[in-house]
């Protein structure tokens, strides 16, 4: 699965971890001890978010691809 959703990644001193939020998928967020781990975790969580939404019959938002040029 190709992950095309925007990810907001930042360091949290309080959590001592990188936090990843996926604004297009409500409530979709994760963390990781390293930047790379946080992104890998986010890819997994995005896939799970989509699978769960589909199982529940909920709409899955299309990726906006705002930062990509065509």
PDB file of N, CA and C in Angstrom:
ATOM      1  N   UNK A   1       0.843  -1.187   0.000  1.00  0.00           N
ATOM      2  CA  UNK A   1       0.000   0.000   0.000  1.00  0.00           C
ATOM      3  C   UNK A   1       0.876   1.234   0.000  1.00  0.00           C
ATOM      4  N   UNK A   2       0.575   2.146  -0.878  1.00  0.00           N
ATOM      5  CA  UNK A   2       1.307   3.394  -0.957  1.00  0.00           C
ATOM      6  C   UNK A   2       0.694   4.402   0.022  1.00  0.00           C
ATOM      7  N   UNK A   3       1.511   4.955   0.885  1.00  0.00           N
ATOM      8  CA  UNK A   3       1.041   5.936   1.869  1.00  0.00           C
ATOM      9  C   UNK A   3       1.197   7.321   1.267  1.00  0.00           C
ATOM     10  N   UNK A   4       0.078   7.992   1.044  1.00  0.00           N
ATOM     11  CA  UNK A   4       0.104   9.312   0.414  1.00  0.00           C
ATOM     12  C   UNK A   4      -0.433  10.407   1.320  1.00  0.00           C
ATOM     13  N   UNK A   5      -0.704  10.088   2.550  1.00  0.00           N
ATOM     14  CA  UNK A   5      -1.263  11.064   3.471  1.00  0.00           C
ATOM     15  C   UNK A   5      -0.171  11.940   4.070  1.00  0.00           C
ATOM     16  N   UNK A   6      -0.532  13.174   4.317  1.00  0.00           N
ATOM     17  CA  UNK A   6       0.380  14.129   4.942  1.00  0.00           C
ATOM     18  C   UNK A   6       0.647  13.702   6.377  1.00  0.00           C
ATOM     19  N   UNK A   7       1.908  13.795   6.798  1.00  0.00           N
ATOM     20  CA  UNK A   7       2.282  13.492   8.168  1.00  0.00           C
ATOM     21  C   UNK A   7       2.966  14.710   8.768  1.00  0.00           C
ATOM     22  N   UNK A   8       2.551  15.076   9.962  1.00  0.00           N
ATOM     23  CA  UNK A   8       3.183  16.165  10.704  1.00  0.00           C
ATOM     24  C   UNK A   8       4.043  15.490  11.768  1.00  0.00           C
ATOM     25  N   UNK A   9       5.343  15.756  11.724  1.00  0.00           N
ATOM     26  CA  UNK A   9       6.290  15.077  12.613  1.00  0.00           C
ATOM     27  C   UNK A   9       7.021  16.122  13.453  1.00  0.00           C
ATOM     28  N   UNK A  10       7.031  15.902  14.764  1.00  0.00           N
ATOM     29  CA  UNK A  10       7.732  16.838  15.636  1.00  0.00           C
ATOM     30  C   UNK A  10       8.276  16.103  16.861  1.00  0.00           C
ATOM     31  N   UNK A  11       9.275  16.706  17.487  1.00  0.00           N
ATOM     32  CA  UNK A  11       9.884  16.142  18.686  1.00  0.00           C
ATOM     33  C   UNK A  11       9.117  16.612  19.912  1.00  0.00           C
ATOM     34  N   UNK A  12       8.828  15.696  20.825  1.00  0.00           N
ATOM     35  CA  UNK A  12       8.174  16.022  22.079  1.00  0.00           C
ATOM     36  C   UNK A  12       9.153  15.787  23.220  1.00  0.00           C
ATOM     37  N   UNK A  13       9.552  16.860  23.882  1.00  0.00           N
ATOM     38  CA  UNK A  13      10.443  16.731  25.048  1.00  0.00           C
ATOM     39  C   UNK A  13       9.745  15.946  26.151  1.00  0.00           C
ATOM     40  N   UNK A  14       8.453  16.220  26.344  1.00  0.00           N
ATOM     41  CA  UNK A  14       7.686  15.573  27.395  1.00  0.00           C
ATOM     42  C   UNK A  14       7.658  14.056  27.227  1.00  0.00           C
ATOM     43  N   UNK A  15       7.493  13.601  25.981  1.00  0.00           N
ATOM     44  CA  UNK A  15       7.420  12.166  25.697  1.00  0.00           C
ATOM     45  C   UNK A  15       8.775  11.564  25.339  1.00  0.00           C
ATOM     46  N   UNK A  16       9.764  12.411  25.106  1.00  0.00           N
ATOM     47  CA  UNK A  16      11.090  11.973  24.663  1.00  0.00           C
ATOM     48  C   UNK A  16      10.962  11.090  23.423  1.00  0.00           C
ATOM     49  N   UNK A  17      10.147  11.567  22.475  1.00  0.00           N
ATOM     50  CA  UNK A  17       9.892  10.800  21.259  1.00  0.00           C
ATOM     51  C   UNK A  17       9.450  11.737  20.141  1.00  0.00           C
ATOM     52  N   UNK A  18       9.586  11.235  18.914  1.00  0.00           N
ATOM     53  CA  UNK A  18       9.020  11.940  17.773  1.00  0.00           C
ATOM     54  C   UNK A  18       7.544  11.576  17.695  1.00  0.00           C
ATOM     55  N   UNK A  19       6.705  12.569  17.522  1.00  0.00           N
ATOM     56  CA  UNK A  19       5.258  12.376  17.407  1.00  0.00           C
ATOM     57  C   UNK A  19       4.881  12.575  15.949  1.00  0.00           C
ATOM     58  N   UNK A  20       3.994  11.716  15.446  1.00  0.00           N
ATOM     59  CA  UNK A  20       3.494  11.839  14.080  1.00  0.00           C
ATOM     60  C   UNK A  20       1.979  11.946  14.138  1.00  0.00           C
ATOM     61  N   UNK A  21       1.452  13.007  13.532  1.00  0.00           N
ATOM     62  CA  UNK A  21       0.013  13.181  13.403  1.00  0.00           C
ATOM     63  C   UNK A  21      -0.336  13.130  11.926  1.00  0.00           C
ATOM     64  N   UNK A  22      -1.483  12.538  11.617  1.00  0.00           N
ATOM     65  CA  UNK A  22      -1.966  12.448  10.240  1.00  0.00           C
ATOM     66  C   UNK A  22      -3.273  13.242  10.190  1.00  0.00           C
ATOM     67  N   UNK A  23      -3.189  14.539   9.847  1.00  0.00           N
ATOM     68  CA  UNK A  23      -4.355  15.422   9.941  1.00  0.00           C
ATOM     69  C   UNK A  23      -5.566  14.980   9.114  1.00  0.00           C
ATOM     70  N   UNK A  24      -5.334  14.307   8.018  1.00  0.00           N
ATOM     71  CA  UNK A  24      -6.435  13.907   7.148  1.00  0.00           C
ATOM     72  C   UNK A  24      -7.239  12.722   7.704  1.00  0.00           C
ATOM     73  N   UNK A  25      -6.671  12.016   8.674  1.00  0.00           N
ATOM     74  CA  UNK A  25      -7.334  10.857   9.270  1.00  0.00           C
ATOM     75  C   UNK A  25      -7.545  11.144  10.762  1.00  0.00           C
ATOM     76  N   UNK A  26      -8.741  11.573  11.137  1.00  0.00           N
ATOM     77  CA  UNK A  26      -8.997  11.991  12.524  1.00  0.00           C
ATOM     78  C   UNK A  26      -8.550  10.956  13.558  1.00  0.00           C
ATOM     79  N   UNK A  27      -7.782  11.437  14.534  1.00  0.00           N
ATOM     80  CA  UNK A  27      -7.315  10.582  15.619  1.00  0.00           C
ATOM     81  C   UNK A  27      -6.135   9.697  15.276  1.00  0.00           C
ATOM     82  N   UNK A  28      -5.631   9.798  14.053  1.00  0.00           N
ATOM     83  CA  UNK A  28      -4.527   8.946  13.620  1.00  0.00           C
ATOM     84  C   UNK A  28      -3.205   9.594  14.012  1.00  0.00           C
ATOM     85  N   UNK A  29      -2.536   8.979  14.984  1.00  0.00           N
ATOM     86  CA  UNK A  29      -1.232   9.487  15.414  1.00  0.00           C
ATOM     87  C   UNK A  29      -0.446   8.369  16.068  1.00  0.00           C
ATOM     88  N   UNK A  30       0.868   8.562  16.135  1.00  0.00           N
ATOM     89  CA  UNK A  30       1.748   7.573  16.748  1.00  0.00           C
ATOM     90  C   UNK A  30       3.024   8.270  17.173  1.00  0.00           C
ATOM     91  N   UNK A  31       4.003   7.497  17.602  1.00  0.00           N
ATOM     92  CA  UNK A  31       5.286   8.065  17.983  1.00  0.00           C
ATOM     93  C   UNK A  31       6.400   7.071  17.705  1.00  0.00           C
ATOM     94  N   UNK A  32       7.625   7.494  17.973  1.00  0.00           N
ATOM     95  CA  UNK A  32       8.780   6.626  17.809  1.00  0.00           C
ATOM     96  C   UNK A  32       9.988   7.241  18.475  1.00  0.00           C
ATOM     97  N   UNK A  33      10.912   6.396  18.890  1.00  0.00           N
ATOM     98  CA  UNK A  33      12.125   6.885  19.540  1.00  0.00           C
ATOM     99  C   UNK A  33      13.026   7.636  18.575  1.00  0.00           C
ATOM    100  N   UNK A  34      12.976   7.274  17.287  1.00  0.00           N
ATOM    101  CA  UNK A  34      13.738   7.979  16.257  1.00  0.00           C
ATOM    102  C   UNK A  34      12.766   8.476  15.198  1.00  0.00           C
ATOM    103  N   UNK A  35      13.234   9.402  14.375  1.00  0.00           N
ATOM    104  CA  UNK A  35      12.418   9.932  13.280  1.00  0.00           C
ATOM    105  C   UNK A  35      11.977   8.789  12.366  1.00  0.00           C
ATOM    106  N   UNK A  36      12.918   7.932  12.026  1.00  0.00           N
ATOM    107  CA  UNK A  36      12.639   6.817  11.118  1.00  0.00           C
ATOM    108  C   UNK A  36      11.618   5.849  11.715  1.00  0.00           C
ATOM    109  N   UNK A  37      11.765   5.561  13.013  1.00  0.00           N
ATOM    110  CA  UNK A  37      10.811   4.663  13.676  1.00  0.00           C
ATOM    111  C   UNK A  37       9.421   5.290  13.721  1.00  0.00           C
ATOM    112  N   UNK A  38       9.369   6.589  13.961  1.00  0.00           N
ATOM    113  CA  UNK A  38       8.076   7.276  14.004  1.00  0.00           C
ATOM    114  C   UNK A  38       7.380   7.214  12.651  1.00  0.00           C
ATOM    115  N   UNK A  39       8.112   7.414  11.568  1.00  0.00           N
ATOM    116  CA  UNK A  39       7.527   7.347  10.226  1.00  0.00           C
ATOM    117  C   UNK A  39       7.070   5.923   9.916  1.00  0.00           C
ATOM    118  N   UNK A  40       7.888   4.936  10.255  1.00  0.00           N
ATOM    119  CA  UNK A  40       7.506   3.537  10.020  1.00  0.00           C
ATOM    120  C   UNK A  40       6.247   3.190  10.818  1.00  0.00           C
ATOM    121  N   UNK A  41       6.184   3.637  12.066  1.00  0.00           N
ATOM    122  CA  UNK A  41       4.999   3.390  12.881  1.00  0.00           C
ATOM    123  C   UNK A  41       3.776   4.071  12.269  1.00  0.00           C
ATOM    124  N   UNK A  42       3.969   5.277  11.752  1.00  0.00           N
ATOM    125  CA  UNK A  42       2.865   6.019  11.139  1.00  0.00           C
ATOM    126  C   UNK A  42       2.338   5.278   9.916  1.00  0.00           C
ATOM    127  N   UNK A  43       3.210   4.736   9.123  1.00  0.00           N
ATOM    128  CA  UNK A  43       2.760   3.996   7.944  1.00  0.00           C
ATOM    129  C   UNK A  43       1.895   2.811   8.362  1.00  0.00           C
ATOM    130  N   UNK A  44       2.291   2.132   9.405  1.00  0.00           N
ATOM    131  CA  UNK A  44       1.528   0.986   9.914  1.00  0.00           C
ATOM    132  C   UNK A  44       0.170   1.453  10.461  1.00  0.00           C
ATOM    133  N   UNK A  45       0.172   2.523  11.244  1.00  0.00           N
ATOM    134  CA  UNK A  45      -1.058   3.025  11.854  1.00  0.00           C
ATOM    135  C   UNK A  45      -2.023   3.553  10.792  1.00  0.00           C
ATOM    136  N   UNK A  46      -1.504   4.197   9.750  1.00  0.00           N
ATOM    137  CA  UNK A  46      -2.356   4.676   8.660  1.00  0.00           C
ATOM    138  C   UNK A  46      -3.062   3.489   8.007  1.00  0.00           C
ATOM    139  N   UNK A  47      -2.319   2.451   7.720  1.00  0.00           N
ATOM    140  CA  UNK A  47      -2.905   1.264   7.096  1.00  0.00           C
ATOM    141  C   UNK A  47      -3.991   0.668   8.000  1.00  0.00           C
ATOM    142  N   UNK A  48      -3.709   0.567   9.289  1.00  0.00           N
ATOM    143  CA  UNK A  48      -4.701   0.039  10.231  1.00  0.00           C
ATOM    144  C   UNK A  48      -5.926   0.947  10.315  1.00  0.00           C
ATOM    145  N   UNK A  49      -5.714   2.266  10.301  1.00  0.00           N
ATOM    146  CA  UNK A  49      -6.824   3.219  10.359  1.00  0.00           C
ATOM    147  C   UNK A  49      -7.751   2.994   9.170  1.00  0.00           C
ATOM    148  N   UNK A  50      -7.173   2.867   7.984  1.00  0.00           N
ATOM    149  CA  UNK A  50      -7.954   2.671   6.756  1.00  0.00           C
ATOM    150  C   UNK A  50      -8.694   1.344   6.797  1.00  0.00           C
ATOM    151  N   UNK A  51      -8.017   0.283   7.191  1.00  0.00           N
ATOM    152  CA  UNK A  51      -8.652  -1.040   7.260  1.00  0.00           C
ATOM    153  C   UNK A  51      -9.821  -1.043   8.239  1.00  0.00           C
ATOM    154  N   UNK A  52      -9.644  -0.403   9.387  1.00  0.00           N
ATOM    155  CA  UNK A  52     -10.711  -0.340  10.381  1.00  0.00           C
ATOM    156  C   UNK A  52     -11.899   0.458   9.852  1.00  0.00           C
ATOM    157  N   UNK A  53     -11.633   1.597   9.232  1.00  0.00           N
ATOM    158  CA  UNK A  53     -12.717   2.410   8.665  1.00  0.00           C
ATOM    159  C   UNK A  53     -13.502   1.609   7.630  1.00  0.00           C
ATOM    160  N   UNK A  54     -12.796   0.886   6.778  1.00  0.00           N
ATOM    161  CA  UNK A  54     -13.460   0.089   5.743  1.00  0.00           C
ATOM    162  C   UNK A  54     -14.297  -1.026   6.367  1.00  0.00           C
ATOM    163  N   UNK A  55     -13.776  -1.686   7.409  1.00  0.00           N
ATOM    164  CA  UNK A  55     -14.516  -2.746   8.094  1.00  0.00           C
ATOM    165  C   UNK A  55     -15.794  -2.214   8.726  1.00  0.00           C
ATOM    166  N   UNK A  56     -15.743  -0.977   9.206  1.00  0.00           N
ATOM    167  CA  UNK A  56     -16.901  -0.365   9.858  1.00  0.00           C
ATOM    168  C   UNK A  56     -17.828   0.334   8.864  1.00  0.00           C
ATOM    169  N   UNK A  57     -17.466   0.314   7.591  1.00  0.00           N
ATOM    170  CA  UNK A  57     -18.289   0.948   6.571  1.00  0.00           C
ATOM    171  C   UNK A  57     -18.201   2.466   6.568  1.00  0.00           C
ATOM    172  N   UNK A  58     -17.131   3.002   7.120  1.00  0.00           N
ATOM    173  CA  UNK A  58     -16.938   4.458   7.166  1.00  0.00           C
ATOM    174  C   UNK A  58     -16.137   4.919   5.960  1.00  0.00           C
ATOM    175  N   UNK A  59     -16.353   6.163   5.584  1.00  0.00           N
ATOM    176  CA  UNK A  59     -15.638   6.741   4.450  1.00  0.00           C
ATOM    177  C   UNK A  59     -14.161   6.937   4.805  1.00  0.00           C
ATOM    178  N   UNK A  60     -13.311   6.686   3.847  1.00  0.00           N
ATOM    179  CA  UNK A  60     -11.870   6.920   4.009  1.00  0.00           C
ATOM    180  C   UNK A  60     -11.529   8.164   3.198  1.00  0.00           C
ATOM    181  N   UNK A  61     -11.061   9.223   3.855  1.00  0.00           N
ATOM    182  CA  UNK A  61     -10.731  10.445   3.124  1.00  0.00           C
ATOM    183  C   UNK A  61      -9.654  10.198   2.074  1.00  0.00           C
ATOM    184  N   UNK A  62      -9.788  10.848   0.943  1.00  0.00           N
ATOM    185  CA  UNK A  62      -8.750  10.798  -0.097  1.00  0.00           C
ATOM    186  C   UNK A  62      -7.577  11.656   0.364  1.00  0.00           C
ATOM    187  N   UNK A  63      -6.388  11.230   0.043  1.00  0.00           N
ATOM    188  CA  UNK A  63      -5.201  12.019   0.344  1.00  0.00           C
ATOM    189  C   UNK A  63      -5.242  13.294  -0.492  1.00  0.00           C
ATOM    190  N   UNK A  64      -4.975  14.424   0.137  1.00  0.00           N
ATOM    191  CA  UNK A  64      -5.019  15.708  -0.569  1.00  0.00           C
ATOM    192  C   UNK A  64      -3.800  15.951  -1.437  1.00  0.00           C
ATOM    193  N   UNK A  65      -2.687  15.343  -1.054  1.00  0.00           N
ATOM    194  CA  UNK A  65      -1.448  15.521  -1.826  1.00  0.00           C
ATOM    195  C   UNK A  65      -1.121  16.988  -2.035  1.00  0.00           C
ATOM    196  N   UNK A  66      -1.306  17.807  -1.020  1.00  0.00           N
ATOM    197  CA  UNK A  66      -1.095  19.244  -1.151  1.00  0.00           C
ATOM    198  C   UNK A  66       0.325  19.616  -1.508  1.00  0.00           C
ATOM    199  N   UNK A  67       1.271  18.850  -1.050  1.00  0.00           N
ATOM    200  CA  UNK A  67       2.668  19.218  -1.262  1.00  0.00           C
ATOM    201  C   UNK A  67       3.240  18.626  -2.536  1.00  0.00           C
ATOM    202  N   UNK A  68       2.457  17.810  -3.216  1.00  0.00           N
ATOM    203  CA  UNK A  68       2.950  17.174  -4.443  1.00  0.00           C
ATOM    204  C   UNK A  68       2.512  17.987  -5.654  1.00  0.00           C
ATOM    205  N   UNK A  69       3.413  18.181  -6.586  1.00  0.00           N
ATOM    206  CA  UNK A  69       3.056  18.893  -7.816  1.00  0.00           C
ATOM    207  C   UNK A  69       2.873  17.893  -8.933  1.00  0.00           C
ATOM    208  N   UNK A  70       1.977  18.214  -9.834  1.00  0.00           N
ATOM    209  CA  UNK A  70       1.721  17.314 -10.957  1.00  0.00           C
ATOM    210  C   UNK A  70       2.208  17.926 -12.236  1.00  0.00           C
TER     211      UNK A  70
END
